[in-house]
Amino acid sequence: MTDFTILVLSGAYATSVAATLDVLQAASTLAPRTKAARPT
């Protein structure tokens, strides 16, 4: 089961989509350091 599903609507700002992906990647990277579950 996934934690997040990202829907990108037509006309969405590319920078907003990129920022969302960056935040999720950072959370995935930092999770093991804080002994938290990685988001999927």
N, C-alpha and C. Protein backbone atom coordinates (compact mmCIF):
# COMPACT_ATOMS: atom_id res chain seq x y z
N MET A 1 0.84 -1.18 0.00
CA MET A 1 0.00 0.00 0.00
C MET A 1 0.89 1.25 0.00
N THR A 2 0.55 2.18 -0.84
CA THR A 2 1.36 3.40 -0.92
C THR A 2 0.85 4.45 0.05
N ASP A 3 1.77 5.28 0.52
CA ASP A 3 1.42 6.38 1.42
C ASP A 3 0.88 7.58 0.66
N PHE A 4 1.41 7.78 -0.54
CA PHE A 4 1.05 8.96 -1.33
C PHE A 4 0.76 8.57 -2.77
N THR A 5 -0.20 9.22 -3.34
CA THR A 5 -0.45 9.16 -4.77
C THR A 5 -0.49 10.60 -5.25
N ILE A 6 0.34 10.92 -6.19
CA ILE A 6 0.42 12.29 -6.69
C ILE A 6 -0.29 12.36 -8.03
N LEU A 7 -1.29 13.20 -8.09
CA LEU A 7 -2.01 13.44 -9.33
C LEU A 7 -1.56 14.80 -9.87
N VAL A 8 -1.12 14.81 -11.10
CA VAL A 8 -0.69 16.05 -11.73
C VAL A 8 -1.76 16.43 -12.75
N LEU A 9 -2.46 17.49 -12.46
CA LEU A 9 -3.53 17.94 -13.34
C LEU A 9 -2.98 18.75 -14.50
N SER A 10 -3.72 18.74 -15.58
CA SER A 10 -3.35 19.54 -16.73
C SER A 10 -3.28 21.01 -16.32
N GLY A 11 -2.21 21.66 -16.67
CA GLY A 11 -2.04 23.06 -16.32
C GLY A 11 -1.33 23.29 -15.00
N ALA A 12 -0.94 22.20 -14.33
CA ALA A 12 -0.23 22.34 -13.05
C ALA A 12 1.14 22.97 -13.30
N TYR A 13 1.58 23.76 -12.36
CA TYR A 13 2.90 24.37 -12.47
C TYR A 13 3.97 23.31 -12.24
N ALA A 14 4.91 23.23 -13.16
CA ALA A 14 5.98 22.23 -13.06
C ALA A 14 6.80 22.41 -11.79
N THR A 15 6.99 23.65 -11.36
CA THR A 15 7.78 23.87 -10.14
C THR A 15 7.06 23.33 -8.91
N SER A 16 5.74 23.39 -8.90
CA SER A 16 4.98 22.85 -7.77
C SER A 16 5.08 21.33 -7.73
N VAL A 17 5.01 20.72 -8.88
CA VAL A 17 5.15 19.25 -8.95
C VAL A 17 6.56 18.85 -8.52
N ALA A 18 7.56 19.55 -9.00
CA ALA A 18 8.94 19.25 -8.64
C ALA A 18 9.18 19.44 -7.15
N ALA A 19 8.61 20.48 -6.57
CA ALA A 19 8.78 20.73 -5.14
C ALA A 19 8.14 19.61 -4.32
N THR A 20 6.98 19.13 -4.74
CA THR A 20 6.32 18.02 -4.06
C THR A 20 7.19 16.78 -4.10
N LEU A 21 7.73 16.47 -5.26
CA LEU A 21 8.60 15.29 -5.39
C LEU A 21 9.87 15.45 -4.57
N ASP A 22 10.43 16.65 -4.52
CA ASP A 22 11.63 16.90 -3.72
C ASP A 22 11.37 16.70 -2.23
N VAL A 23 10.23 17.18 -1.75
CA VAL A 23 9.89 17.02 -0.33
C VAL A 23 9.73 15.55 0.02
N LEU A 24 9.07 14.79 -0.85
CA LEU A 24 8.89 13.36 -0.59
C LEU A 24 10.22 12.62 -0.65
N GLN A 25 11.10 13.00 -1.57
CA GLN A 25 12.42 12.38 -1.64
C GLN A 25 13.23 12.69 -0.38
N ALA A 26 13.16 13.92 0.09
CA ALA A 26 13.86 14.29 1.33
C ALA A 26 13.32 13.49 2.51
N ALA A 27 12.01 13.33 2.59
CA ALA A 27 11.42 12.55 3.67
C ALA A 27 11.88 11.10 3.61
N SER A 28 11.98 10.57 2.41
CA SER A 28 12.43 9.19 2.24
C SER A 28 13.89 9.04 2.64
N THR A 29 14.70 10.03 2.36
CA THR A 29 16.12 10.00 2.71
C THR A 29 16.34 10.17 4.21
N LEU A 30 15.58 11.06 4.82
CA LEU A 30 15.78 11.36 6.24
C LEU A 30 15.11 10.37 7.18
N ALA A 31 14.13 9.65 6.72
CA ALA A 31 13.38 8.74 7.59
C ALA A 31 14.26 7.74 8.34
N PRO A 32 15.18 7.05 7.68
CA PRO A 32 16.01 6.09 8.42
C PRO A 32 16.86 6.74 9.52
N ARG A 33 17.28 7.96 9.28
CA ARG A 33 18.11 8.67 10.27
C ARG A 33 17.34 9.00 11.53
N THR A 34 16.04 9.17 11.39
CA THR A 34 15.20 9.49 12.55
C THR A 34 14.42 8.27 13.04
N LYS A 35 14.76 7.10 12.48
CA LYS A 35 14.10 5.84 12.83
C LYS A 35 12.58 5.89 12.58
N ALA A 36 12.22 6.54 11.50
CA ALA A 36 10.81 6.62 11.08
C ALA A 36 10.64 5.77 9.82
N ALA A 37 9.41 5.44 9.53
CA ALA A 37 9.12 4.66 8.33
C ALA A 37 9.29 5.52 7.09
N ARG A 38 9.82 4.92 6.03
CA ARG A 38 9.97 5.65 4.77
C ARG A 38 8.63 5.76 4.08
N PRO A 39 8.30 6.95 3.57
CA PRO A 39 7.07 7.07 2.78
C PRO A 39 7.27 6.36 1.44
N THR A 40 6.21 5.78 0.95
CA THR A 40 6.29 5.06 -0.34
C THR A 40 5.32 5.67 -1.32
